[in-house]
C-alpha atoms as a PDB file:
ATOM      1  CA  MET A   1       1.740  76.530   2.552  1.00  0.00           C
ATOM      2  CA  SER A   2       1.346  80.375   3.534  1.00  0.00           C
ATOM      3  CA  THR A   3      -1.806  80.126   1.332  1.00  0.00           C
ATOM      4  CA  VAL A   4      -3.614  77.992   3.955  1.00  0.00           C
ATOM      5  CA  ASP A   5      -6.061  79.930   5.996  1.00  0.00           C
ATOM      6  CA  VAL A   6      -5.460  78.176   9.255  1.00  0.00           C
ATOM      7  CA  LYS A   7      -8.613  79.748  10.992  1.00  0.00           C
ATOM      8  CA  ALA A   8     -10.852  78.414   8.170  1.00  0.00           C
ATOM      9  CA  LEU A   9      -9.652  74.933   9.030  1.00  0.00           C
ATOM     10  CA  GLY A  10     -11.737  75.199  12.270  1.00  0.00           C
ATOM     11  CA  LYS A  11     -11.543  72.919  15.246  1.00  0.00           C
ATOM     12  CA  VAL A  12      -9.596  69.839  14.279  1.00  0.00           C
ATOM     13  CA  ALA A  13      -9.268  66.280  15.810  1.00  0.00           C
ATOM     14  CA  VAL A  14      -6.190  64.223  15.401  1.00  0.00           C
ATOM     15  CA  LEU A  15      -7.523  60.701  15.466  1.00  0.00           C
ATOM     16  CA  MET A  16      -4.710  58.468  16.867  1.00  0.00           C
ATOM     17  CA  GLY A  17      -4.329  55.308  18.970  1.00  0.00           C
ATOM     18  CA  GLY A  18      -7.275  53.092  18.132  1.00  0.00           C
ATOM     19  CA  SER A  19      -7.734  49.321  18.581  1.00  0.00           C
ATOM     20  CA  SER A  20      -5.544  47.736  15.870  1.00  0.00           C
ATOM     21  CA  ALA A  21      -2.199  46.048  16.526  1.00  0.00           C
ATOM     22  CA  GLU A  22      -0.659  49.179  15.380  1.00  0.00           C
ATOM     23  CA  ARG A  23      -1.918  51.057  18.190  1.00  0.00           C
ATOM     24  CA  PRO A  24       1.667  52.201  19.754  1.00  0.00           C
ATOM     25  CA  VAL A  25       2.850  53.326  16.157  1.00  0.00           C
ATOM     26  CA  SER A  26      -0.465  55.377  15.683  1.00  0.00           C
ATOM     27  CA  LEU A  27      -0.033  57.162  18.956  1.00  0.00           C
ATOM     28  CA  MET A  28       3.545  58.164  17.835  1.00  0.00           C
ATOM     29  CA  SER A  29       2.365  59.327  14.605  1.00  0.00           C
ATOM     30  CA  GLY A  30      -0.568  61.386  16.152  1.00  0.00           C
ATOM     31  CA  GLU A  31       1.542  63.039  18.760  1.00  0.00           C
ATOM     32  CA  GLY A  32       3.863  64.292  15.746  1.00  0.00           C
ATOM     33  CA  VAL A  33       1.043  65.488  13.714  1.00  0.00           C
ATOM     34  CA  LEU A  34      -0.465  67.192  16.651  1.00  0.00           C
ATOM     35  CA  LYS A  35       2.620  69.072  17.587  1.00  0.00           C
ATOM     36  CA  ALA A  36       3.126  69.982  13.870  1.00  0.00           C
ATOM     37  CA  LEU A  37      -0.415  71.391  13.503  1.00  0.00           C
ATOM     38  CA  ARG A  38      -0.375  73.360  16.893  1.00  0.00           C
ATOM     39  CA  SER A  39       3.047  74.911  15.862  1.00  0.00           C
ATOM     40  CA  ARG A  40       1.249  76.369  12.717  1.00  0.00           C
ATOM     41  CA  GLY A  41      -1.691  77.758  14.835  1.00  0.00           C
ATOM     42  CA  VAL A  42      -4.106  75.058  14.164  1.00  0.00           C
ATOM     43  CA  ASP A  43      -6.770  74.421  16.788  1.00  0.00           C
ATOM     44  CA  ALA A  44      -5.960  70.665  17.063  1.00  0.00           C
ATOM     45  CA  HIS A  45      -6.839  68.210  19.658  1.00  0.00           C
ATOM     46  CA  ALA A  46      -5.934  64.545  20.289  1.00  0.00           C
ATOM     47  CA  PHE A  47      -8.774  62.007  19.947  1.00  0.00           C
ATOM     48  CA  ASP A  48      -8.439  58.369  20.453  1.00  0.00           C
ATOM     49  CA  PRO A  49     -11.544  56.384  19.145  1.00  0.00           C
ATOM     50  CA  ALA A  50     -10.545  53.426  21.383  1.00  0.00           C
ATOM     51  CA  GLU A  51     -11.275  55.721  24.265  1.00  0.00           C
ATOM     52  CA  ARG A  52     -13.941  57.992  23.157  1.00  0.00           C
ATOM     53  CA  ASP A  53     -17.260  57.854  21.290  1.00  0.00           C
ATOM     54  CA  LEU A  54     -16.942  59.083  17.633  1.00  0.00           C
ATOM     55  CA  GLY A  55     -20.262  60.785  18.045  1.00  0.00           C
ATOM     56  CA  ASP A  56     -18.264  63.147  20.486  1.00  0.00           C
ATOM     57  CA  LEU A  57     -16.605  64.736  17.205  1.00  0.00           C
ATOM     58  CA  LYS A  58     -19.953  65.972  16.482  1.00  0.00           C
ATOM     59  CA  ARG A  59     -21.222  66.967  19.842  1.00  0.00           C
ATOM     60  CA  GLU A  60     -17.957  68.738  20.451  1.00  0.00           C
ATOM     61  CA  GLY A  61     -18.038  70.655  17.223  1.00  0.00           C
ATOM     62  CA  PHE A  62     -14.996  69.393  15.345  1.00  0.00           C
ATOM     63  CA  ASP A  63     -14.890  70.721  11.866  1.00  0.00           C
ATOM     64  CA  ARG A  64     -12.460  68.216  10.322  1.00  0.00           C
ATOM     65  CA  CYS A  65     -10.375  65.192  11.210  1.00  0.00           C
ATOM     66  CA  PHE A  66      -6.622  64.248  10.497  1.00  0.00           C
ATOM     67  CA  ILE A  67      -6.599  60.379  10.582  1.00  0.00           C
ATOM     68  CA  ALA A  68      -3.322  59.456  12.203  1.00  0.00           C
ATOM     69  CA  LEU A  69      -4.735  55.919  12.825  1.00  0.00           C
ATOM     70  CA  HIS A  70      -2.992  52.648  11.288  1.00  0.00           C
ATOM     71  CA  GLY A  71      -4.421  49.323  10.474  1.00  0.00           C
ATOM     72  CA  ARG A  72      -7.929  48.014  11.178  1.00  0.00           C
ATOM     73  CA  HIS A  73     -10.682  50.600  12.315  1.00  0.00           C
ATOM     74  CA  GLY A  74      -8.612  53.254  11.190  1.00  0.00           C
ATOM     75  CA  GLU A  75      -7.071  52.459   7.636  1.00  0.00           C
ATOM     76  CA  ASP A  76      -9.591  50.045   6.458  1.00  0.00           C
ATOM     77  CA  GLY A  77     -12.835  52.236   5.449  1.00  0.00           C
ATOM     78  CA  THR A  78     -14.431  51.768   8.774  1.00  0.00           C
ATOM     79  CA  VAL A  79     -13.636  55.198  10.529  1.00  0.00           C
ATOM     80  CA  GLN A  80     -13.974  56.803   7.191  1.00  0.00           C
ATOM     81  CA  GLY A  81     -17.597  55.434   6.746  1.00  0.00           C
ATOM     82  CA  ALA A  82     -18.381  56.834  10.337  1.00  0.00           C
ATOM     83  CA  LEU A  83     -17.174  60.315   9.500  1.00  0.00           C
ATOM     84  CA  GLU A  84     -19.123  60.327   6.051  1.00  0.00           C
ATOM     85  CA  LEU A  85     -22.144  59.765   8.288  1.00  0.00           C
ATOM     86  CA  LEU A  86     -21.071  62.559  10.645  1.00  0.00           C
ATOM     87  CA  GLY A  87     -20.429  64.764   7.927  1.00  0.00           C
ATOM     88  CA  ILE A  88     -16.971  65.573   9.178  1.00  0.00           C
ATOM     89  CA  PRO A  89     -14.358  65.854   6.364  1.00  0.00           C
ATOM     90  CA  TYR A  90     -11.165  63.825   6.829  1.00  0.00           C
ATOM     91  CA  THR A  91      -7.773  63.363   5.519  1.00  0.00           C
ATOM     92  CA  GLY A  92      -6.672  60.551   3.153  1.00  0.00           C
ATOM     93  CA  SER A  93      -8.479  58.088   1.015  1.00  0.00           C
ATOM     94  CA  GLY A  94     -12.260  57.483   0.967  1.00  0.00           C
ATOM     95  CA  VAL A  95     -14.226  54.366   2.177  1.00  0.00           C
ATOM     96  CA  MET A  96     -13.829  52.286  -0.804  1.00  0.00           C
ATOM     97  CA  ALA A  97     -10.043  53.014  -1.573  1.00  0.00           C
ATOM     98  CA  SER A  98      -9.289  52.557   2.098  1.00  0.00           C
ATOM     99  CA  ALA A  99     -11.015  49.260   2.312  1.00  0.00           C
ATOM    100  CA  VAL A 100      -9.496  47.830  -0.922  1.00  0.00           C
ATOM    101  CA  ALA A 101      -6.002  49.152  -0.080  1.00  0.00           C
ATOM    102  CA  MET A 102      -5.992  47.391   3.404  1.00  0.00           C
ATOM    103  CA  ASP A 103      -6.913  44.037   1.759  1.00  0.00           C
ATOM    104  CA  LYS A 104      -3.581  43.030  -0.014  1.00  0.00           C
ATOM    105  CA  VAL A 105      -5.532  40.214  -2.033  1.00  0.00           C
ATOM    106  CA  MET A 106      -8.078  42.769  -3.322  1.00  0.00           C
ATOM    107  CA  THR A 107      -5.192  45.246  -3.958  1.00  0.00           C
ATOM    108  CA  LYS A 108      -3.487  42.820  -6.106  1.00  0.00           C
ATOM    109  CA  ARG A 109      -6.739  41.905  -7.985  1.00  0.00           C
ATOM    110  CA  VAL A 110      -7.225  45.716  -8.967  1.00  0.00           C
ATOM    111  CA  TRP A 111      -3.491  46.194 -10.005  1.00  0.00           C
ATOM    112  CA  LEU A 112      -3.486  42.760 -12.066  1.00  0.00           C
ATOM    113  CA  ALA A 113      -6.644  43.923 -13.825  1.00  0.00           C
ATOM    114  CA  GLU A 114      -4.955  47.203 -14.704  1.00  0.00           C
ATOM    115  CA  GLY A 115      -1.890  45.474 -15.942  1.00  0.00           C
ATOM    116  CA  LEU A 116       0.334  46.629 -12.999  1.00  0.00           C
ATOM    117  CA  PRO A 117       3.225  44.154 -11.973  1.00  0.00           C
ATOM    118  CA  THR A 118       2.932  42.372  -8.531  1.00  0.00           C
ATOM    119  CA  PRO A 119       4.648  39.204  -7.292  1.00  0.00           C
ATOM    120  CA  ARG A 120       2.713  35.962  -7.751  1.00  0.00           C
ATOM    121  CA  TRP A 121       0.579  34.938  -4.936  1.00  0.00           C
ATOM    122  CA  ARG A 122      -1.933  32.512  -3.296  1.00  0.00           C
ATOM    123  CA  ARG A 123      -4.549  33.236  -0.798  1.00  0.00           C
ATOM    124  CA  LEU A 124      -5.360  30.826   1.782  1.00  0.00           C
ATOM    125  CA  SER A 125      -8.729  31.133   3.363  1.00  0.00           C
ATOM    126  CA  THR A 126      -9.548  29.802   6.805  1.00  0.00           C
ATOM    127  CA  GLU A 127     -10.557  26.316   5.256  1.00  0.00           C
ATOM    128  CA  GLU A 128      -7.201  25.975   3.639  1.00  0.00           C
ATOM    129  CA  HIS A 129      -4.764  26.171   6.515  1.00  0.00           C
ATOM    130  CA  SER A 130      -4.418  22.329   6.540  1.00  0.00           C
ATOM    131  CA  ARG A 131      -1.004  20.832   6.325  1.00  0.00           C
ATOM    132  CA  GLU A 132      -1.694  19.225   2.874  1.00  0.00           C
ATOM    133  CA  ILE A 133      -2.728  22.347   1.245  1.00  0.00           C
ATOM    134  CA  VAL A 134      -0.198  24.671   2.907  1.00  0.00           C
ATOM    135  CA  ARG A 135       2.847  22.250   1.686  1.00  0.00           C
ATOM    136  CA  GLU A 136       1.652  22.679  -1.699  1.00  0.00           C
ATOM    137  CA  VAL A 137       2.185  26.494  -1.830  1.00  0.00           C
ATOM    138  CA  PRO A 138       5.938  26.467  -2.326  1.00  0.00           C
ATOM    139  CA  ASP A 139       5.528  24.128  -5.326  1.00  0.00           C
ATOM    140  CA  ALA A 140       3.517  26.847  -7.028  1.00  0.00           C
ATOM    141  CA  LEU A 141       5.476  30.118  -5.790  1.00  0.00           C
ATOM    142  CA  GLY A 142       9.029  28.646  -5.128  1.00  0.00           C
ATOM    143  CA  LEU A 143      11.317  29.204  -2.173  1.00  0.00           C
ATOM    144  CA  PRO A 144      11.905  31.238  -0.459  1.00  0.00           C
ATOM    145  CA  LEU A 145       8.458  32.894  -0.171  1.00  0.00           C
ATOM    146  CA  ILE A 146       6.557  35.367   2.003  1.00  0.00           C
ATOM    147  CA  VAL A 147       3.588  34.532   4.135  1.00  0.00           C
ATOM    148  CA  LYS A 148       1.563  37.371   5.808  1.00  0.00           C
ATOM    149  CA  PRO A 149      -1.834  38.309   6.954  1.00  0.00           C
ATOM    150  CA  ALA A 150      -4.243  39.696   3.999  1.00  0.00           C
ATOM    151  CA  ARG A 151      -5.197  42.531   6.150  1.00  0.00           C
ATOM    152  CA  GLU A 152      -2.614  44.055   8.641  1.00  0.00           C
ATOM    153  CA  GLY A 153       0.320  46.358   8.474  1.00  0.00           C
ATOM    154  CA  SER A 154       3.617  47.285  10.103  1.00  0.00           C
ATOM    155  CA  SER A 155       5.107  43.881   9.330  1.00  0.00           C
ATOM    156  CA  PHE A 156       2.779  42.027  11.845  1.00  0.00           C
ATOM    157  CA  GLY A 157       2.672  38.262  11.428  1.00  0.00           C
ATOM    158  CA  VAL A 158       5.051  38.324   8.245  1.00  0.00           C
ATOM    159  CA  THR A 159       7.422  35.420   7.826  1.00  0.00           C
ATOM    160  CA  LYS A 160       9.973  34.721   4.998  1.00  0.00           C
ATOM    161  CA  VAL A 161       9.764  31.023   4.585  1.00  0.00           C
ATOM    162  CA  ARG A 162      12.987  29.366   3.271  1.00  0.00           C
ATOM    163  CA  GLY A 163      11.761  25.754   3.454  1.00  0.00           C
ATOM    164  CA  TYR A 164       8.763  23.468   3.379  1.00  0.00           C
ATOM    165  CA  SER A 165       9.221  22.827   7.100  1.00  0.00           C
ATOM    166  CA  GLY A 166       8.559  26.492   8.036  1.00  0.00           C
ATOM    167  CA  MET A 167       5.159  26.709   6.141  1.00  0.00           C
ATOM    168  CA  GLN A 168       2.743  25.575   8.769  1.00  0.00           C
ATOM    169  CA  GLU A 169       4.246  27.733  11.456  1.00  0.00           C
ATOM    170  CA  ALA A 170       4.248  30.927   9.175  1.00  0.00           C
ATOM    171  CA  VAL A 171       0.615  30.335   8.230  1.00  0.00           C
ATOM    172  CA  THR A 172      -0.452  29.786  11.833  1.00  0.00           C
ATOM    173  CA  LEU A 173       1.492  32.982  13.029  1.00  0.00           C
ATOM    174  CA  ALA A 174      -0.291  35.115  10.286  1.00  0.00           C
ATOM    175  CA  ALA A 175      -3.838  33.626  10.811  1.00  0.00           C
ATOM    176  CA  GLN A 176      -3.458  35.118  14.431  1.00  0.00           C
ATOM    177  CA  TYR A 177      -3.810  38.446  12.579  1.00  0.00           C
ATOM    178  CA  ASP A 178      -6.161  37.688   9.914  1.00  0.00           C
ATOM    179  CA  PRO A 179      -8.208  34.619   8.976  1.00  0.00           C
ATOM    180  CA  ASP A 180      -7.225  35.026   5.300  1.00  0.00           C
ATOM    181  CA  VAL A 181      -3.359  34.451   4.660  1.00  0.00           C
ATOM    182  CA  LEU A 182      -1.463  35.739   1.843  1.00  0.00           C
ATOM    183  CA  CYS A 183       1.565  33.818   0.452  1.00  0.00           C
ATOM    184  CA  GLU A 184       3.635  35.828  -1.946  1.00  0.00           C
ATOM    185  CA  GLU A 185       6.545  35.064  -4.224  1.00  0.00           C
ATOM    186  CA  PHE A 186       9.836  36.358  -2.861  1.00  0.00           C
ATOM    187  CA  ILE A 187      11.462  38.980  -5.000  1.00  0.00           C
ATOM    188  CA  ASP A 188      15.132  39.132  -4.439  1.00  0.00           C
ATOM    189  CA  GLY A 189      16.500  42.735  -4.879  1.00  0.00           C
ATOM    190  CA  ASP A 190      16.153  46.194  -3.668  1.00  0.00           C
ATOM    191  CA  GLU A 191      13.273  47.213  -1.370  1.00  0.00           C
ATOM    192  CA  VAL A 192      11.887  50.778  -1.973  1.00  0.00           C
ATOM    193  CA  THR A 193       8.953  52.977  -1.142  1.00  0.00           C
ATOM    194  CA  CYS A 194       7.528  55.962  -2.938  1.00  0.00           C
ATOM    195  CA  PRO A 195       4.781  58.374  -1.390  1.00  0.00           C
ATOM    196  CA  VAL A 196       2.153  60.108  -3.485  1.00  0.00           C
ATOM    197  CA  LEU A 197       0.267  63.255  -2.776  1.00  0.00           C
ATOM    198  CA  GLY A 198      -3.019  64.551  -4.240  1.00  0.00           C
ATOM    199  CA  GLU A 199      -6.077  63.224  -6.162  1.00  0.00           C
ATOM    200  CA  GLY A 200      -6.880  61.950  -9.568  1.00  0.00           C
ATOM    201  CA  GLU A 201      -4.946  63.625 -12.483  1.00  0.00           C
ATOM    202  CA  ALA A 202      -3.306  66.098 -10.049  1.00  0.00           C
ATOM    203  CA  SER A 203      -1.612  63.307  -7.919  1.00  0.00           C
ATOM    204  CA  ALA A 204       2.048  63.207  -8.272  1.00  0.00           C
ATOM    205  CA  ALA A 205       4.953  60.976  -6.752  1.00  0.00           C
ATOM    206  CA  LEU A 206       7.589  62.249  -4.140  1.00  0.00           C
ATOM    207  CA  PRO A 207      11.303  60.917  -4.314  1.00  0.00           C
ATOM    208  CA  VAL A 208      11.779  57.196  -3.918  1.00  0.00           C
ATOM    209  CA  ILE A 209      13.248  55.928  -0.824  1.00  0.00           C
ATOM    210  CA  ARG A 210      15.691  52.963  -0.892  1.00  0.00           C
ATOM    211  CA  ILE A 211      15.633  50.905   2.243  1.00  0.00           C
ATOM    212  CA  GLN A 212      18.592  49.001   3.584  1.00  0.00           C
ATOM    213  CA  ALA A 213      17.785  46.852   6.482  1.00  0.00           C
ATOM    214  CA  PRO A 214      20.269  44.543   8.398  1.00  0.00           C
ATOM    215  CA  ASP A 215      20.242  41.173   6.576  1.00  0.00           C
ATOM    216  CA  GLY A 216      17.400  42.458   4.340  1.00  0.00           C
ATOM    217  CA  ASN A 217      14.977  42.084   7.201  1.00  0.00           C
ATOM    218  CA  TYR A 218      12.808  45.197   7.396  1.00  0.00           C
ATOM    219  CA  ASP A 219      10.532  43.886  10.179  1.00  0.00           C
ATOM    220  CA  PHE A 220       8.440  45.877  13.055  1.00  0.00           C
ATOM    221  CA  GLU A 221      11.541  46.431  15.032  1.00  0.00           C
ATOM    222  CA  HIS A 222      13.639  47.776  12.098  1.00  0.00           C
ATOM    223  CA  LYS A 223      10.752  49.921  10.865  1.00  0.00           C
ATOM    224  CA  TYR A 224      10.261  51.831  14.046  1.00  0.00           C
ATOM    225  CA  TYR A 225      13.027  51.386  16.696  1.00  0.00           C
ATOM    226  CA  SER A 226      16.096  50.329  15.159  1.00  0.00           C
ATOM    227  CA  GLU A 227      19.034  52.907  14.301  1.00  0.00           C
ATOM    228  CA  ASP A 228      20.527  50.146  11.893  1.00  0.00           C
ATOM    229  CA  THR A 229      17.982  50.492   9.096  1.00  0.00           C
ATOM    230  CA  ARG A 230      19.153  52.982   6.314  1.00  0.00           C
ATOM    231  CA  TYR A 231      16.831  55.163   4.281  1.00  0.00           C
ATOM    232  CA  LEU A 232      18.608  56.572   1.228  1.00  0.00           C
ATOM    233  CA  VAL A 233      16.839  59.528  -0.338  1.00  0.00           C
ATOM    234  CA  PRO A 234      17.887  60.392  -2.830  1.00  0.00           C
ATOM    235  CA  SER A 235      17.731  56.632  -3.698  1.00  0.00           C
ATOM    236  CA  GLY A 236      20.863  56.476  -5.666  1.00  0.00           C
ATOM    237  CA  LEU A 237      18.911  54.538  -8.394  1.00  0.00           C
ATOM    238  CA  PRO A 238      19.538  55.390 -11.971  1.00  0.00           C
ATOM    239  CA  GLU A 239      17.232  58.432 -12.914  1.00  0.00           C
ATOM    240  CA  ALA A 240      15.263  56.271 -15.479  1.00  0.00           C
ATOM    241  CA  GLU A 241      14.591  53.641 -12.893  1.00  0.00           C
ATOM    242  CA  GLU A 242      13.402  56.169 -10.350  1.00  0.00           C
ATOM    243  CA  ARG A 243      10.969  57.786 -12.887  1.00  0.00           C
ATOM    244  CA  GLU A 244       9.477  54.390 -13.941  1.00  0.00           C
ATOM    245  CA  ILE A 245       8.889  53.580 -10.129  1.00  0.00           C
ATOM    246  CA  GLN A 246       7.192  57.046  -9.525  1.00  0.00           C
ATOM    247  CA  ARG A 247       5.025  56.436 -12.745  1.00  0.00           C
ATOM    248  CA  LEU A 248       4.069  52.861 -11.426  1.00  0.00           C
ATOM    249  CA  VAL A 249       3.232  54.095  -7.987  1.00  0.00           C
ATOM    250  CA  VAL A 250       1.062  56.801  -9.376  1.00  0.00           C
ATOM    251  CA  ALA A 251      -0.826  54.528 -11.650  1.00  0.00           C
ATOM    252  CA  ALA A 252      -1.330  52.088  -8.584  1.00  0.00           C
ATOM    253  CA  TYR A 253      -2.575  54.831  -6.443  1.00  0.00           C
ATOM    254  CA  ARG A 254      -5.074  56.091  -9.107  1.00  0.00           C
ATOM    255  CA  ALA A 255      -6.233  52.529  -9.799  1.00  0.00           C
ATOM    256  CA  LEU A 256      -7.341  51.955  -6.326  1.00  0.00           C
ATOM    257  CA  GLY A 257      -9.067  55.582  -6.258  1.00  0.00           C
ATOM    258  CA  CYS A 258      -6.858  56.776  -3.350  1.00  0.00           C
ATOM    259  CA  ARG A 259      -6.651  60.622  -2.532  1.00  0.00           C
ATOM    260  CA  GLY A 260      -4.912  62.910  -0.125  1.00  0.00           C
ATOM    261  CA  TRP A 261      -1.760  60.843   0.209  1.00  0.00           C
ATOM    262  CA  GLY A 262      -0.447  57.251   0.234  1.00  0.00           C
ATOM    263  CA  ARG A 263       2.723  55.265   0.057  1.00  0.00           C
ATOM    264  CA  ALA A 264       3.485  52.272  -2.103  1.00  0.00           C
ATOM    265  CA  ASP A 265       5.981  49.585  -1.204  1.00  0.00           C
ATOM    266  CA  LEU A 266       7.970  47.690  -4.018  1.00  0.00           C
ATOM    267  CA  MET A 267      10.698  45.360  -4.642  1.00  0.00           C
ATOM    268  CA  ILE A 268      13.159  45.726  -7.663  1.00  0.00           C
ATOM    269  CA  ARG A 269      14.108  42.378  -8.930  1.00  0.00           C
ATOM    270  CA  ALA A 270      18.018  42.134  -8.877  1.00  0.00           C
ATOM    271  CA  SER A 271      18.101  39.892 -11.841  1.00  0.00           C
ATOM    272  CA  ASP A 272      16.475  42.254 -14.440  1.00  0.00           C
ATOM    273  CA  ARG A 273      15.743  45.475 -12.369  1.00  0.00           C
ATOM    274  CA  LYS A 274      11.902  45.033 -12.938  1.00  0.00           C
ATOM    275  CA  PRO A 275       9.878  46.635  -9.956  1.00  0.00           C
ATOM    276  CA  PHE A 276       7.012  44.817  -8.349  1.00  0.00           C
ATOM    277  CA  LEU A 277       4.174  46.524  -6.271  1.00  0.00           C
ATOM    278  CA  LEU A 278       3.705  45.081  -2.934  1.00  0.00           C
ATOM    279  CA  GLU A 279       0.987  47.125  -1.194  1.00  0.00           C
ATOM    280  CA  MET A 280      -0.480  50.609  -0.750  1.00  0.00           C
ATOM    281  CA  ASN A 281      -0.590  52.366   2.695  1.00  0.00           C
ATOM    282  CA  THR A 282      -3.480  54.915   2.766  1.00  0.00           C
ATOM    283  CA  SER A 283      -2.468  56.243   6.269  1.00  0.00           C
ATOM    284  CA  PRO A 284       1.218  55.947   6.283  1.00  0.00           C
ATOM    285  CA  GLY A 285       3.269  56.434   9.496  1.00  0.00           C
ATOM    286  CA  MET A 286       4.254  59.973  10.607  1.00  0.00           C
ATOM    287  CA  THR A 287       6.606  59.114  13.376  1.00  0.00           C
ATOM    288  CA  GLY A 288      10.295  60.169  13.659  1.00  0.00           C
ATOM    289  CA  HIS A 289      11.402  57.107  11.559  1.00  0.00           C
ATOM    290  CA  SER A 290       8.476  57.363   9.131  1.00  0.00           C
ATOM    291  CA  LEU A 291       9.073  57.540   5.263  1.00  0.00           C
ATOM    292  CA  VAL A 292       6.632  59.890   3.948  1.00  0.00           C
ATOM    293  CA  PRO A 293       8.192  62.912   5.972  1.00  0.00           C
ATOM    294  CA  GLN A 294      11.602  61.760   4.888  1.00  0.00           C
ATOM    295  CA  SER A 295      10.722  61.809   1.258  1.00  0.00           C
ATOM    296  CA  ALA A 296       8.631  65.248   1.466  1.00  0.00           C
ATOM    297  CA  GLN A 297      11.834  66.811   3.083  1.00  0.00           C
ATOM    298  CA  ALA A 298      13.889  65.600   0.131  1.00  0.00           C
ATOM    299  CA  ALA A 299      11.330  67.428  -1.966  1.00  0.00           C
ATOM    300  CA  GLY A 300      11.600  70.724  -0.018  1.00  0.00           C
ATOM    301  CA  ILE A 301       8.343  70.037   2.216  1.00  0.00           C
ATOM    302  CA  SER A 302       8.822  70.297   5.892  1.00  0.00           C
ATOM    303  CA  TYR A 303       7.007  68.012   8.376  1.00  0.00           C
ATOM    304  CA  GLU A 304       4.897  70.781   9.364  1.00  0.00           C
ATOM    305  CA  ASP A 305       4.002  71.834   5.967  1.00  0.00           C
ATOM    306  CA  LEU A 306       3.177  68.394   4.979  1.00  0.00           C
ATOM    307  CA  CYS A 307       0.709  67.933   7.795  1.00  0.00           C
ATOM    308  CA  LEU A 308      -0.764  71.350   6.951  1.00  0.00           C
ATOM    309  CA  ARG A 309      -1.252  70.430   3.378  1.00  0.00           C
ATOM    310  CA  LEU A 310      -2.901  67.071   4.133  1.00  0.00           C
ATOM    311  CA  LEU A 311      -5.268  68.642   6.581  1.00  0.00           C
ATOM    312  CA  ALA A 312      -6.307  71.464   4.086  1.00  0.00           C
ATOM    313  CA  GLY A 313      -7.217  68.703   1.825  1.00  0.00           C
ATOM    314  CA  ALA A 314      -9.532  66.830   4.147  1.00  0.00           C
ATOM    315  CA  THR A 315     -12.911  66.178   2.304  1.00  0.00           C
ATOM    316  CA  LEU A 316     -15.659  63.606   2.054  1.00  0.00           C
ATOM    317  CA  ASP A 317     -16.634  61.009  -0.431  1.00  0.00           C
ATOM    318  CA  SER A 318     -20.354  62.508  -0.419  1.00  0.00           C
ATOM    319  CA  HIS A 319     -20.899  66.247  -0.945  1.00  0.00           C
ATOM    320  CA  PRO A 320     -24.201  67.087   0.733  1.00  0.00           C
ATOM    321  CA  THR A 321     -26.769  68.428  -1.808  1.00  0.00           C
ATOM    322  CA  ALA A 322     -29.135  71.289  -1.034  1.00  0.00           C
ATOM    323  CA  ALA A 323     -32.144  70.216   0.955  1.00  0.00           C
ATOM    324  CA  GLN A 324     -35.210  69.895  -1.219  1.00  0.00           C
ATOM    325  CA  PRO A 325     -38.167  72.224  -0.581  1.00  0.00           C
END
């Protein structure tokens, strides 16, 4: 990363906090990024959109933004759209890719259209939360199954349902986070995640991480605070399996039109070792427990270099054309 001209990056805002359910995690991510960028001489400043007007970015002369926001109003295309209007380049995916990837149902539709494997699913709209409809879901998807909000992250509102009697409570919980509820076939096997860096044909996968959580329960607590969760990188998977997961993840990333960076979560079915794509994170965590920095480290990229590389790639969907006379 010695080729990056730090001065040319200008005045940088690290967007952190925000108003989503993932605010505490975003603050941890943002503090880590801020410290890393400053350690490399970047003129970086913390900026919390929940407490500041985004217009201040323009008024205060910020040249680019590192988006360390997670969830709604940070990872869903809304803040990306605001930055497009302000003309301030930002890290990560653009408006459309961010919006689609945030919506797990839309993501699945794109992946299925591209022939990419994802678990069988059923979307329940607000009008379909009645006991009669909810009880039919296990007939189609089997048990156990996963119930989660269609647009949320960090395992908020997620339930593993083992019997018919648990369905209504799971749907009610998920609906507290999003009116659309996603019911998904449970894939029994290894849980893995794999980051991608870059854009288009130049995008490439980093090493796969295998996740071992207590009792297979990789919830919010085990993601961010528990010391019991193990992250295996190198993954210990057969080389051909690791390569296939990396190929799938890059294909999934490109199908959604992602850029900058992202991280796909997958399950590998124990019975036949077939991988299934679960979701794509377009603004992954950057905390001490986060997975992208761990994978990058295994590839020889330090946390500081990763932050600098992402910042240097900040861009806009729209490239301003020259003013007409």
